[in-house]
Amino acid sequence: MNRHIEQDCVRWEEDDGKLLFSITETLSGDTVTLSLSGTLSSVVAPAFEDELMAAACVRSRIAVDFSGLQVISSGGLKALLTVQRLLDQRPGSMLKLRAMSPAVHATFAEIGFDELFEIES
């Protein structure tokens, strides 16, 4: 697995160049949006958590766009929960999850995470 860092994007690829996972960051007003693509596996989950924490250090409003994500691991769920707990301690902060596929939303619902997060369709 190889990690590539571009201007506003971090990509993880297999040795043959096939995309495993990517995070693209955009800023609009006071909200940073992290757009996810691929599979958020337990292997890349710690780096995903690092990206979320870095965003939370500089912005109080974070949106995560799941439209390109096929699968989320327990490590990815843990990363989201960790950042949600951090933002809950700061008045005016928010973590909004957007555009989940039915499969990813079902994962959240199975463990009750659909009640813990603000999820937009």
PDB file of N, CA and C in Angstrom:
ATOM      1  N   MET A   1       0.849  -1.175   0.000  1.00  0.00           N
ATOM      2  CA  MET A   1       0.000   0.000   0.000  1.00  0.00           C
ATOM      3  C   MET A   1       0.894   1.236   0.000  1.00  0.00           C
ATOM      4  N   ASN A   2       0.515   2.202  -0.798  1.00  0.00           N
ATOM      5  CA  ASN A   2       1.255   3.452  -0.910  1.00  0.00           C
ATOM      6  C   ASN A   2       0.355   4.618  -0.533  1.00  0.00           C
ATOM      7  N   ARG A   3       0.951   5.608   0.120  1.00  0.00           N
ATOM      8  CA  ARG A   3       0.225   6.823   0.496  1.00  0.00           C
ATOM      9  C   ARG A   3       0.764   7.973  -0.338  1.00  0.00           C
ATOM     10  N   HIS A   4      -0.153   8.731  -0.953  1.00  0.00           N
ATOM     11  CA  HIS A   4       0.213   9.880  -1.770  1.00  0.00           C
ATOM     12  C   HIS A   4      -0.474  11.114  -1.202  1.00  0.00           C
ATOM     13  N   ILE A   5       0.291  12.174  -1.042  1.00  0.00           N
ATOM     14  CA  ILE A   5      -0.263  13.431  -0.542  1.00  0.00           C
ATOM     15  C   ILE A   5      -0.178  14.456  -1.663  1.00  0.00           C
ATOM     16  N   GLU A   6      -1.336  14.985  -2.044  1.00  0.00           N
ATOM     17  CA  GLU A   6      -1.408  16.031  -3.048  1.00  0.00           C
ATOM     18  C   GLU A   6      -1.856  17.304  -2.345  1.00  0.00           C
ATOM     19  N   GLN A   7      -2.200  18.330  -3.088  1.00  0.00           N
ATOM     20  CA  GLN A   7      -2.515  19.623  -2.481  1.00  0.00           C
ATOM     21  C   GLN A   7      -3.582  19.518  -1.395  1.00  0.00           C
ATOM     22  N   ASP A   8      -4.775  19.077  -1.726  1.00  0.00           N
ATOM     23  CA  ASP A   8      -5.854  18.975  -0.746  1.00  0.00           C
ATOM     24  C   ASP A   8      -6.395  17.556  -0.662  1.00  0.00           C
ATOM     25  N   CYS A   9      -5.567  16.572  -1.013  1.00  0.00           N
ATOM     26  CA  CYS A   9      -6.038  15.192  -1.080  1.00  0.00           C
ATOM     27  C   CYS A   9      -4.959  14.242  -0.573  1.00  0.00           C
ATOM     28  N   VAL A  10      -5.388  13.253   0.190  1.00  0.00           N
ATOM     29  CA  VAL A  10      -4.507  12.165   0.613  1.00  0.00           C
ATOM     30  C   VAL A  10      -5.109  10.892   0.045  1.00  0.00           C
ATOM     31  N   ARG A  11      -4.279  10.093  -0.656  1.00  0.00           N
ATOM     32  CA  ARG A  11      -4.746   8.872  -1.310  1.00  0.00           C
ATOM     33  C   ARG A  11      -3.914   7.682  -0.846  1.00  0.00           C
ATOM     34  N   TRP A  12      -4.587   6.568  -0.660  1.00  0.00           N
ATOM     35  CA  TRP A  12      -3.925   5.303  -0.375  1.00  0.00           C
ATOM     36  C   TRP A  12      -4.210   4.386  -1.550  1.00  0.00           C
ATOM     37  N   GLU A  13      -3.143   3.830  -2.130  1.00  0.00           N
ATOM     38  CA  GLU A  13      -3.286   2.975  -3.299  1.00  0.00           C
ATOM     39  C   GLU A  13      -2.572   1.650  -3.076  1.00  0.00           C
ATOM     40  N   GLU A  14      -3.052   0.633  -3.787  1.00  0.00           N
ATOM     41  CA  GLU A  14      -2.343  -0.635  -3.812  1.00  0.00           C
ATOM     42  C   GLU A  14      -1.081  -0.449  -4.640  1.00  0.00           C
ATOM     43  N   ASP A  15      -0.179  -1.419  -4.591  1.00  0.00           N
ATOM     44  CA  ASP A  15       1.068  -1.318  -5.347  1.00  0.00           C
ATOM     45  C   ASP A  15       0.834  -1.177  -6.850  1.00  0.00           C
ATOM     46  N   ASP A  16      -0.286  -1.712  -7.347  1.00  0.00           N
ATOM     47  CA  ASP A  16      -0.590  -1.612  -8.781  1.00  0.00           C
ATOM     48  C   ASP A  16      -1.290  -0.302  -9.145  1.00  0.00           C
ATOM     49  N   GLY A  17      -1.475   0.595  -8.176  1.00  0.00           N
ATOM     50  CA  GLY A  17      -2.077   1.901  -8.432  1.00  0.00           C
ATOM     51  C   GLY A  17      -3.572   1.976  -8.205  1.00  0.00           C
ATOM     52  N   LYS A  18      -4.211   0.854  -7.876  1.00  0.00           N
ATOM     53  CA  LYS A  18      -5.659   0.857  -7.626  1.00  0.00           C
ATOM     54  C   LYS A  18      -5.953   1.631  -6.345  1.00  0.00           C
ATOM     55  N   LEU A  19      -6.931   2.558  -6.426  1.00  0.00           N
ATOM     56  CA  LEU A  19      -7.297   3.379  -5.273  1.00  0.00           C
ATOM     57  C   LEU A  19      -7.949   2.535  -4.187  1.00  0.00           C
ATOM     58  N   LEU A  20      -7.449   2.652  -2.964  1.00  0.00           N
ATOM     59  CA  LEU A  20      -8.070   2.017  -1.808  1.00  0.00           C
ATOM     60  C   LEU A  20      -8.972   3.000  -1.079  1.00  0.00           C
ATOM     61  N   PHE A  21      -8.443   4.204  -0.808  1.00  0.00           N
ATOM     62  CA  PHE A  21      -9.160   5.193  -0.008  1.00  0.00           C
ATOM     63  C   PHE A  21      -8.568   6.563  -0.281  1.00  0.00           C
ATOM     64  N   SER A  22      -9.418   7.583  -0.271  1.00  0.00           N
ATOM     65  CA  SER A  22      -8.909   8.951  -0.387  1.00  0.00           C
ATOM     66  C   SER A  22      -9.757   9.899   0.448  1.00  0.00           C
ATOM     67  N   ILE A  23      -9.114  10.974   0.871  1.00  0.00           N
ATOM     68  CA  ILE A  23      -9.762  12.064   1.596  1.00  0.00           C
ATOM     69  C   ILE A  23      -9.408  13.354   0.860  1.00  0.00           C
ATOM     70  N   THR A  24     -10.433  14.084   0.439  1.00  0.00           N
ATOM     71  CA  THR A  24     -10.224  15.379  -0.195  1.00  0.00           C
ATOM     72  C   THR A  24     -10.840  16.441   0.702  1.00  0.00           C
ATOM     73  N   GLU A  25     -10.075  17.482   0.973  1.00  0.00           N
ATOM     74  CA  GLU A  25     -10.514  18.538   1.889  1.00  0.00           C
ATOM     75  C   GLU A  25     -10.845  19.806   1.117  1.00  0.00           C
ATOM     76  N   THR A  26     -12.016  20.389   1.420  1.00  0.00           N
ATOM     77  CA  THR A  26     -12.392  21.683   0.853  1.00  0.00           C
ATOM     78  C   THR A  26     -12.893  22.579   1.981  1.00  0.00           C
ATOM     79  N   LEU A  27     -12.721  23.862   1.795  1.00  0.00           N
ATOM     80  CA  LEU A  27     -13.134  24.835   2.797  1.00  0.00           C
ATOM     81  C   LEU A  27     -14.173  25.755   2.182  1.00  0.00           C
ATOM     82  N   SER A  28     -15.293  25.921   2.888  1.00  0.00           N
ATOM     83  CA  SER A  28     -16.348  26.828   2.454  1.00  0.00           C
ATOM     84  C   SER A  28     -16.817  27.597   3.678  1.00  0.00           C
ATOM     85  N   GLY A  29     -16.496  28.878   3.721  1.00  0.00           N
ATOM     86  CA  GLY A  29     -16.832  29.675   4.900  1.00  0.00           C
ATOM     87  C   GLY A  29     -16.105  29.135   6.117  1.00  0.00           C
ATOM     88  N   ASP A  30     -16.862  28.839   7.166  1.00  0.00           N
ATOM     89  CA  ASP A  30     -16.245  28.328   8.392  1.00  0.00           C
ATOM     90  C   ASP A  30     -16.351  26.808   8.510  1.00  0.00           C
ATOM     91  N   THR A  31     -16.726  26.136   7.408  1.00  0.00           N
ATOM     92  CA  THR A  31     -16.891  24.683   7.431  1.00  0.00           C
ATOM     93  C   THR A  31     -15.847  24.016   6.547  1.00  0.00           C
ATOM     94  N   VAL A  32     -15.174  23.023   7.096  1.00  0.00           N
ATOM     95  CA  VAL A  32     -14.271  22.196   6.301  1.00  0.00           C
ATOM     96  C   VAL A  32     -15.019  20.906   5.964  1.00  0.00           C
ATOM     97  N   THR A  33     -14.960  20.520   4.697  1.00  0.00           N
ATOM     98  CA  THR A  33     -15.607  19.290   4.247  1.00  0.00           C
ATOM     99  C   THR A  33     -14.540  18.284   3.858  1.00  0.00           C
ATOM    100  N   LEU A  34     -14.656  17.089   4.410  1.00  0.00           N
ATOM    101  CA  LEU A  34     -13.780  15.982   4.056  1.00  0.00           C
ATOM    102  C   LEU A  34     -14.600  15.013   3.211  1.00  0.00           C
ATOM    103  N   SER A  35     -14.229  14.854   1.950  1.00  0.00           N
ATOM    104  CA  SER A  35     -14.929  13.947   1.038  1.00  0.00           C
ATOM    105  C   SER A  35     -14.157  12.639   0.969  1.00  0.00           C
ATOM    106  N   LEU A  36     -14.859  11.543   1.238  1.00  0.00           N
ATOM    107  CA  LEU A  36     -14.232  10.226   1.309  1.00  0.00           C
ATOM    108  C   LEU A  36     -14.557   9.410   0.070  1.00  0.00           C
ATOM    109  N   SER A  37     -13.582   8.611  -0.382  1.00  0.00           N
ATOM    110  CA  SER A  37     -13.788   7.700  -1.509  1.00  0.00           C
ATOM    111  C   SER A  37     -13.108   6.376  -1.208  1.00  0.00           C
ATOM    112  N   GLY A  38     -13.729   5.296  -1.674  1.00  0.00           N
ATOM    113  CA  GLY A  38     -13.126   3.977  -1.526  1.00  0.00           C
ATOM    114  C   GLY A  38     -13.619   3.245  -0.298  1.00  0.00           C
ATOM    115  N   THR A  39     -12.699   2.538   0.344  1.00  0.00           N
ATOM    116  CA  THR A  39     -12.997   1.729   1.523  1.00  0.00           C
ATOM    117  C   THR A  39     -12.208   2.251   2.709  1.00  0.00           C
ATOM    118  N   LEU A  40     -12.918   2.655   3.764  1.00  0.00           N
ATOM    119  CA  LEU A  40     -12.254   3.128   4.976  1.00  0.00           C
ATOM    120  C   LEU A  40     -11.989   1.899   5.848  1.00  0.00           C
ATOM    121  N   SER A  41     -10.862   1.258   5.603  1.00  0.00           N
ATOM    122  CA  SER A  41     -10.495   0.027   6.304  1.00  0.00           C
ATOM    123  C   SER A  41      -9.821   0.349   7.631  1.00  0.00           C
ATOM    124  N   SER A  42      -9.631  -0.673   8.425  1.00  0.00           N
ATOM    125  CA  SER A  42      -8.929  -0.499   9.702  1.00  0.00           C
ATOM    126  C   SER A  42      -7.478  -0.091   9.484  1.00  0.00           C
ATOM    127  N   VAL A  43      -6.920  -0.418   8.328  1.00  0.00           N
ATOM    128  CA  VAL A  43      -5.535  -0.053   8.030  1.00  0.00           C
ATOM    129  C   VAL A  43      -5.391   1.460   7.878  1.00  0.00           C
ATOM    130  N   VAL A  44      -6.338   2.107   7.199  1.00  0.00           N
ATOM    131  CA  VAL A  44      -6.243   3.558   6.975  1.00  0.00           C
ATOM    132  C   VAL A  44      -7.006   4.371   8.021  1.00  0.00           C
ATOM    133  N   ALA A  45      -7.767   3.712   8.893  1.00  0.00           N
ATOM    134  CA  ALA A  45      -8.568   4.426   9.900  1.00  0.00           C
ATOM    135  C   ALA A  45      -7.738   5.345  10.795  1.00  0.00           C
ATOM    136  N   PRO A  46      -6.548   4.933  11.270  1.00  0.00           N
ATOM    137  CA  PRO A  46      -5.768   5.866  12.101  1.00  0.00           C
ATOM    138  C   PRO A  46      -5.392   7.155  11.354  1.00  0.00           C
ATOM    139  N   ALA A  47      -5.063   7.040  10.084  1.00  0.00           N
ATOM    140  CA  ALA A  47      -4.745   8.242   9.303  1.00  0.00           C
ATOM    141  C   ALA A  47      -5.992   9.095   9.090  1.00  0.00           C
ATOM    142  N   PHE A  48      -7.146   8.446   8.901  1.00  0.00           N
ATOM    143  CA  PHE A  48      -8.413   9.172   8.791  1.00  0.00           C
ATOM    144  C   PHE A  48      -8.683   9.937  10.082  1.00  0.00           C
ATOM    145  N   GLU A  49      -8.465   9.287  11.226  1.00  0.00           N
ATOM    146  CA  GLU A  49      -8.662   9.969  12.508  1.00  0.00           C
ATOM    147  C   GLU A  49      -7.716  11.160  12.628  1.00  0.00           C
ATOM    148  N   ASP A  50      -6.472  10.998  12.194  1.00  0.00           N
ATOM    149  CA  ASP A  50      -5.519  12.115  12.220  1.00  0.00           C
ATOM    150  C   ASP A  50      -6.024  13.289  11.383  1.00  0.00           C
ATOM    151  N   GLU A  51      -6.559  13.000  10.199  1.00  0.00           N
ATOM    152  CA  GLU A  51      -7.094  14.058   9.332  1.00  0.00           C
ATOM    153  C   GLU A  51      -8.284  14.755   9.986  1.00  0.00           C
ATOM    154  N   LEU A  52      -9.175  13.970  10.598  1.00  0.00           N
ATOM    155  CA  LEU A  52     -10.329  14.549  11.300  1.00  0.00           C
ATOM    156  C   LEU A  52      -9.882  15.431  12.462  1.00  0.00           C
ATOM    157  N   MET A  53      -8.935  14.936  13.241  1.00  0.00           N
ATOM    158  CA  MET A  53      -8.450  15.701  14.396  1.00  0.00           C
ATOM    159  C   MET A  53      -7.767  16.995  13.945  1.00  0.00           C
ATOM    160  N   ALA A  54      -7.003  16.921  12.859  1.00  0.00           N
ATOM    161  CA  ALA A  54      -6.352  18.124  12.334  1.00  0.00           C
ATOM    162  C   ALA A  54      -7.401  19.148  11.908  1.00  0.00           C
ATOM    163  N   ALA A  55      -8.455  18.680  11.256  1.00  0.00           N
ATOM    164  CA  ALA A  55      -9.536  19.587  10.852  1.00  0.00           C
ATOM    165  C   ALA A  55     -10.210  20.193  12.077  1.00  0.00           C
ATOM    166  N   ALA A  56     -10.428  19.379  13.110  1.00  0.00           N
ATOM    167  CA  ALA A  56     -11.088  19.854  14.335  1.00  0.00           C
ATOM    168  C   ALA A  56     -10.224  20.848  15.095  1.00  0.00           C
ATOM    169  N   CYS A  57      -8.925  20.789  14.908  1.00  0.00           N
ATOM    170  CA  CYS A  57      -8.033  21.734  15.591  1.00  0.00           C
ATOM    171  C   CYS A  57      -8.120  23.136  14.998  1.00  0.00           C
ATOM    172  N   VAL A  58      -8.470  23.230  13.714  1.00  0.00           N
ATOM    173  CA  VAL A  58      -8.498  24.543  13.069  1.00  0.00           C
ATOM    174  C   VAL A  58      -9.901  25.038  12.735  1.00  0.00           C
ATOM    175  N   ARG A  59     -10.883  24.151  12.744  1.00  0.00           N
ATOM    176  CA  ARG A  59     -12.265  24.523  12.436  1.00  0.00           C
ATOM    177  C   ARG A  59     -13.201  23.887  13.449  1.00  0.00           C
ATOM    178  N   SER A  60     -14.286  24.572  13.739  1.00  0.00           N
ATOM    179  CA  SER A  60     -15.260  24.009  14.677  1.00  0.00           C
ATOM    180  C   SER A  60     -16.438  23.365  13.952  1.00  0.00           C
ATOM    181  N   ARG A  61     -16.498  23.545  12.635  1.00  0.00           N
ATOM    182  CA  ARG A  61     -17.592  22.964  11.846  1.00  0.00           C
ATOM    183  C   ARG A  61     -16.985  22.039  10.789  1.00  0.00           C
ATOM    184  N   ILE A  62     -17.315  20.757  10.904  1.00  0.00           N
ATOM    185  CA  ILE A  62     -16.766  19.750   9.997  1.00  0.00           C
ATOM    186  C   ILE A  62     -17.913  18.982   9.356  1.00  0.00           C
ATOM    187  N   ALA A  63     -17.836  18.830   8.053  1.00  0.00           N
ATOM    188  CA  ALA A  63     -18.776  17.981   7.317  1.00  0.00           C
ATOM    189  C   ALA A  63     -17.971  16.852   6.682  1.00  0.00           C
ATOM    190  N   VAL A  64     -18.522  15.658   6.722  1.00  0.00           N
ATOM    191  CA  VAL A  64     -17.879  14.515   6.076  1.00  0.00           C
ATOM    192  C   VAL A  64     -18.826  14.008   4.996  1.00  0.00           C
ATOM    193  N   ASP A  65     -18.355  14.034   3.760  1.00  0.00           N
ATOM    194  CA  ASP A  65     -19.144  13.600   2.602  1.00  0.00           C
ATOM    195  C   ASP A  65     -18.818  12.135   2.314  1.00  0.00           C
ATOM    196  N   PHE A  66     -19.816  11.284   2.479  1.00  0.00           N
ATOM    197  CA  PHE A  66     -19.645   9.841   2.313  1.00  0.00           C
ATOM    198  C   PHE A  66     -20.042   9.358   0.922  1.00  0.00           C
ATOM    199  N   SER A  67     -20.348  10.248  -0.010  1.00  0.00           N
ATOM    200  CA  SER A  67     -20.917   9.826  -1.297  1.00  0.00           C
ATOM    201  C   SER A  67     -20.015   8.873  -2.072  1.00  0.00           C
ATOM    202  N   GLY A  68     -18.715   8.949  -1.885  1.00  0.00           N
ATOM    203  CA  GLY A  68     -17.798   8.051  -2.592  1.00  0.00           C
ATOM    204  C   GLY A  68     -17.330   6.866  -1.776  1.00  0.00           C
ATOM    205  N   LEU A  69     -17.862   6.707  -0.570  1.00  0.00           N
ATOM    206  CA  LEU A  69     -17.393   5.640   0.325  1.00  0.00           C
ATOM    207  C   LEU A  69     -18.271   4.405   0.188  1.00  0.00           C
ATOM    208  N   GLN A  70     -17.629   3.248  -0.017  1.00  0.00           N
ATOM    209  CA  GLN A  70     -18.377   1.998  -0.129  1.00  0.00           C
ATOM    210  C   GLN A  70     -18.510   1.279   1.210  1.00  0.00           C
ATOM    211  N   VAL A  71     -17.447   1.291   2.019  1.00  0.00           N
ATOM    212  CA  VAL A  71     -17.410   0.514   3.262  1.00  0.00           C
ATOM    213  C   VAL A  71     -16.703   1.327   4.333  1.00  0.00           C
ATOM    214  N   ILE A  72     -17.180   1.213   5.581  1.00  0.00           N
ATOM    215  CA  ILE A  72     -16.499   1.830   6.718  1.00  0.00           C
ATOM    216  C   ILE A  72     -16.252   0.760   7.776  1.00  0.00           C
ATOM    217  N   SER A  73     -15.030   0.709   8.273  1.00  0.00           N
ATOM    218  CA  SER A  73     -14.650  -0.275   9.288  1.00  0.00           C
ATOM    219  C   SER A  73     -14.955   0.247  10.689  1.00  0.00           C
ATOM    220  N   SER A  74     -14.801  -0.626  11.659  1.00  0.00           N
ATOM    221  CA  SER A  74     -14.981  -0.210  13.053  1.00  0.00           C
ATOM    222  C   SER A  74     -13.969   0.866  13.430  1.00  0.00           C
ATOM    223  N   GLY A  75     -12.778   0.811  12.845  1.00  0.00           N
ATOM    224  CA  GLY A  75     -11.777   1.844  13.100  1.00  0.00           C
ATOM    225  C   GLY A  75     -12.213   3.205  12.583  1.00  0.00           C
ATOM    226  N   GLY A  76     -12.884   3.224  11.440  1.00  0.00           N
ATOM    227  CA  GLY A  76     -13.419   4.472  10.900  1.00  0.00           C
ATOM    228  C   GLY A  76     -14.532   5.024  11.763  1.00  0.00           C
ATOM    229  N   LEU A  77     -15.385   4.129  12.268  1.00  0.00           N
ATOM    230  CA  LEU A  77     -16.463   4.543  13.176  1.00  0.00           C
ATOM    231  C   LEU A  77     -15.890   5.123  14.465  1.00  0.00           C
ATOM    232  N   LYS A  78     -14.841   4.492  14.985  1.00  0.00           N
ATOM    233  CA  LYS A  78     -14.186   4.978  16.205  1.00  0.00           C
ATOM    234  C   LYS A  78     -13.617   6.381  15.983  1.00  0.00           C
ATOM    235  N   ALA A  79     -13.009   6.600  14.829  1.00  0.00           N
ATOM    236  CA  ALA A  79     -12.440   7.915  14.522  1.00  0.00           C
ATOM    237  C   ALA A  79     -13.514   8.995  14.545  1.00  0.00           C
ATOM    238  N   LEU A  80     -14.655   8.702  13.947  1.00  0.00           N
ATOM    239  CA  LEU A  80     -15.763   9.664  13.952  1.00  0.00           C
ATOM    240  C   LEU A  80     -16.267   9.929  15.362  1.00  0.00           C
ATOM    241  N   LEU A  81     -16.394   8.879  16.158  1.00  0.00           N
ATOM    242  CA  LEU A  81     -16.867   9.031  17.535  1.00  0.00           C
ATOM    243  C   LEU A  81     -15.887   9.857  18.361  1.00  0.00           C
ATOM    244  N   THR A  82     -14.598   9.629  18.179  1.00  0.00           N
ATOM    245  CA  THR A  82     -13.574  10.383  18.908  1.00  0.00           C
ATOM    246  C   THR A  82     -13.681  11.875  18.611  1.00  0.00           C
ATOM    247  N   VAL A  83     -13.826  12.220  17.339  1.00  0.00           N
ATOM    248  CA  VAL A  83     -13.921  13.634  16.963  1.00  0.00           C
ATOM    249  C   VAL A  83     -15.250  14.227  17.410  1.00  0.00           C
ATOM    250  N   GLN A  84     -16.329  13.448  17.326  1.00  0.00           N
ATOM    251  CA  GLN A  84     -17.632  13.941  17.801  1.00  0.00           C
ATOM    252  C   GLN A  84     -17.556  14.298  19.282  1.00  0.00           C
ATOM    253  N   ARG A  85     -16.925  13.453  20.069  1.00  0.00           N
ATOM    254  CA  ARG A  85     -16.791  13.730  21.511  1.00  0.00           C
ATOM    255  C   ARG A  85     -15.971  14.988  21.764  1.00  0.00           C
ATOM    256  N   LEU A  86     -14.923  15.191  20.988  1.00  0.00           N
ATOM    257  CA  LEU A  86     -14.115  16.404  21.118  1.00  0.00           C
ATOM    258  C   LEU A  86     -14.946  17.641  20.780  1.00  0.00           C
ATOM    259  N   LEU A  87     -15.670  17.595  19.670  1.00  0.00           N
ATOM    260  CA  LEU A  87     -16.466  18.749  19.248  1.00  0.00           C
ATOM    261  C   LEU A  87     -17.638  19.010  20.185  1.00  0.00           C
ATOM    262  N   ASP A  88     -18.176  17.962  20.804  1.00  0.00           N
ATOM    263  CA  ASP A  88     -19.271  18.139  21.769  1.00  0.00           C
ATOM    264  C   ASP A  88     -18.860  19.016  22.944  1.00  0.00           C
ATOM    265  N   GLN A  89     -17.572  19.088  23.227  1.00  0.00           N
ATOM    266  CA  GLN A  89     -17.071  19.890  24.349  1.00  0.00           C
ATOM    267  C   GLN A  89     -16.918  21.365  23.984  1.00  0.00           C
ATOM    268  N   ARG A  90     -17.093  21.703  22.717  1.00  0.00           N
ATOM    269  CA  ARG A  90     -16.920  23.077  22.256  1.00  0.00           C
ATOM    270  C   ARG A  90     -18.250  23.654  21.788  1.00  0.00           C
ATOM    271  N   PRO A  91     -18.746  24.684  22.462  1.00  0.00           N
ATOM    272  CA  PRO A  91     -20.003  25.310  22.033  1.00  0.00           C
ATOM    273  C   PRO A  91     -19.899  25.808  20.586  1.00  0.00           C
ATOM    274  N   GLY A  92     -20.954  25.588  19.827  1.00  0.00           N
ATOM    275  CA  GLY A  92     -20.998  26.048  18.445  1.00  0.00           C
ATOM    276  C   GLY A  92     -20.341  25.123  17.439  1.00  0.00           C
ATOM    277  N   SER A  93     -19.746  24.048  17.906  1.00  0.00           N
ATOM    278  CA  SER A  93     -19.085  23.108  17.005  1.00  0.00           C
ATOM    279  C   SER A  93     -20.075  22.094  16.469  1.00  0.00           C
ATOM    280  N   MET A  94     -19.735  21.501  15.328  1.00  0.00           N
ATOM    281  CA  MET A  94     -20.606  20.459  14.792  1.00  0.00           C
ATOM    282  C   MET A  94     -19.823  19.533  13.879  1.00  0.00           C
ATOM    283  N   LEU A  95     -20.289  18.292  13.847  1.00  0.00           N
ATOM    284  CA  LEU A  95     -19.809  17.290  12.899  1.00  0.00           C
ATOM    285  C   LEU A  95     -21.040  16.788  12.170  1.00  0.00           C
ATOM    286  N   LYS A  96     -21.079  17.010  10.868  1.00  0.00           N
ATOM    287  CA  LYS A  96     -22.238  16.617  10.064  1.00  0.00           C
ATOM    288  C   LYS A  96     -21.783  15.574   9.050  1.00  0.00           C
ATOM    289  N   LEU A  97     -22.537  14.478   8.955  1.00  0.00           N
ATOM    290  CA  LEU A  97     -22.229  13.405   8.018  1.00  0.00           C
ATOM    291  C   LEU A  97     -23.233  13.476   6.878  1.00  0.00           C
ATOM    292  N   ARG A  98     -22.729  13.439   5.646  1.00  0.00           N
ATOM    293  CA  ARG A  98     -23.583  13.663   4.475  1.00  0.00           C
ATOM    294  C   ARG A  98     -23.465  12.546   3.445  1.00  0.00           C
ATOM    295  N   ALA A  99     -24.568  12.331   2.726  1.00  0.00           N
ATOM    296  CA  ALA A  99     -24.599  11.525   1.499  1.00  0.00           C
ATOM    297  C   ALA A  99     -24.090  10.095   1.682  1.00  0.00           C
ATOM    298  N   MET A 100     -24.559   9.424   2.726  1.00  0.00           N
ATOM    299  CA  MET A 100     -24.170   8.024   2.943  1.00  0.00           C
ATOM    300  C   MET A 100     -24.923   7.107   1.993  1.00  0.00           C
ATOM    301  N   SER A 101     -24.241   6.089   1.522  1.00  0.00           N
ATOM    302  CA  SER A 101     -24.918   5.049   0.743  1.00  0.00           C
ATOM    303  C   SER A 101     -25.815   4.263   1.697  1.00  0.00           C
ATOM    304  N   PRO A 102     -26.808   3.559   1.177  1.00  0.00           N
ATOM    305  CA  PRO A 102     -27.648   2.737   2.055  1.00  0.00           C
ATOM    306  C   PRO A 102     -26.838   1.721   2.869  1.00  0.00           C
ATOM    307  N   ALA A 103     -25.801   1.150   2.271  1.00  0.00           N
ATOM    308  CA  ALA A 103     -24.988   0.154   2.985  1.00  0.00           C
ATOM    309  C   ALA A 103     -24.236   0.781   4.158  1.00  0.00           C
ATOM    310  N   VAL A 104     -23.641   1.946   3.935  1.00  0.00           N
ATOM    311  CA  VAL A 104     -22.910   2.620   5.017  1.00  0.00           C
ATOM    312  C   VAL A 104     -23.894   3.089   6.084  1.00  0.00           C
ATOM    313  N   HIS A 105     -25.039   3.626   5.668  1.00  0.00           N
ATOM    314  CA  HIS A 105     -26.040   4.061   6.645  1.00  0.00           C
ATOM    315  C   HIS A 105     -26.523   2.879   7.479  1.00  0.00           C
ATOM    316  N   ALA A 106     -26.688   1.721   6.870  1.00  0.00           N
ATOM    317  CA  ALA A 106     -27.114   0.523   7.602  1.00  0.00           C
ATOM    318  C   ALA A 106     -26.095   0.148   8.671  1.00  0.00           C
ATOM    319  N   THR A 107     -24.811   0.315   8.368  1.00  0.00           N
ATOM    320  CA  THR A 107     -23.764   0.048   9.366  1.00  0.00           C
ATOM    321  C   THR A 107     -23.941   0.965  10.568  1.00  0.00           C
ATOM    322  N   PHE A 108     -24.191   2.238  10.323  1.00  0.00           N
ATOM    323  CA  PHE A 108     -24.419   3.195  11.410  1.00  0.00           C
ATOM    324  C   PHE A 108     -25.660   2.811  12.214  1.00  0.00           C
ATOM    325  N   ALA A 109     -26.730   2.458  11.522  1.00  0.00           N
ATOM    326  CA  ALA A 109     -27.996   2.130  12.192  1.00  0.00           C
ATOM    327  C   ALA A 109     -27.879   0.861  13.036  1.00  0.00           C
ATOM    328  N   GLU A 110     -27.145  -0.131  12.547  1.00  0.00           N
ATOM    329  CA  GLU A 110     -27.002  -1.401  13.270  1.00  0.00           C
ATOM    330  C   GLU A 110     -26.420  -1.219  14.664  1.00  0.00           C
ATOM    331  N   ILE A 111     -25.537  -0.241  14.816  1.00  0.00           N
ATOM    332  CA  ILE A 111     -24.888  -0.057  16.119  1.00  0.00           C
ATOM    333  C   ILE A 111     -25.377   1.196  16.848  1.00  0.00           C
ATOM    334  N   GLY A 112     -26.416   1.825  16.316  1.00  0.00           N
ATOM    335  CA  GLY A 112     -26.999   2.985  16.980  1.00  0.00           C
ATOM    336  C   GLY A 112     -26.277   4.296  16.724  1.00  0.00           C
ATOM    337  N   PHE A 113     -25.300   4.302  15.817  1.00  0.00           N
ATOM    338  CA  PHE A 113     -24.573   5.535  15.532  1.00  0.00           C
ATOM    339  C   PHE A 113     -25.432   6.541  14.777  1.00  0.00           C
ATOM    340  N   ASP A 114     -26.526   6.079  14.164  1.00  0.00           N
ATOM    341  CA  ASP A 114     -27.410   7.024  13.486  1.00  0.00           C
ATOM    342  C   ASP A 114     -28.092   7.954  14.483  1.00  0.00           C
ATOM    343  N   GLU A 115     -28.096   7.579  15.762  1.00  0.00           N
ATOM    344  CA  GLU A 115     -28.659   8.427  16.822  1.00  0.00           C
ATOM    345  C   GLU A 115     -27.610   9.364  17.424  1.00  0.00           C
ATOM    346  N   LEU A 116     -26.331   9.072  17.221  1.00  0.00           N
ATOM    347  CA  LEU A 116     -25.251   9.863  17.819  1.00  0.00           C
ATOM    348  C   LEU A 116     -24.777  11.006  16.927  1.00  0.00           C
ATOM    349  N   PHE A 117     -25.009  10.865  15.621  1.00  0.00           N
ATOM    350  CA  PHE A 117     -24.476  11.830  14.665  1.00  0.00           C
ATOM    351  C   PHE A 117     -25.594  12.530  13.916  1.00  0.00           C
ATOM    352  N   GLU A 118     -25.298  13.739  13.460  1.00  0.00           N
ATOM    353  CA  GLU A 118     -26.207  14.449  12.567  1.00  0.00           C
ATOM    354  C   GLU A 118     -25.920  13.944  11.156  1.00  0.00           C
ATOM    355  N   ILE A 119     -26.894  13.247  10.577  1.00  0.00           N
ATOM    356  CA  ILE A 119     -26.713  12.632   9.263  1.00  0.00           C
ATOM    357  C   ILE A 119     -27.701  13.245   8.281  1.00  0.00           C
ATOM    358  N   GLU A 120     -27.162  13.767   7.175  1.00  0.00           N
ATOM    359  CA  GLU A 120     -27.978  14.305   6.083  1.00  0.00           C
ATOM    360  C   GLU A 120     -27.958  13.310   4.940  1.00  0.00           C
ATOM    361  N   SER A 121     -29.092  13.197   4.247  1.00  0.00           N
ATOM    362  CA  SER A 121     -29.113  12.280   3.094  1.00  0.00           C
ATOM    363  C   SER A 121     -28.590  12.937   1.845  1.00  0.00           C
TER     364      SER A 121
END
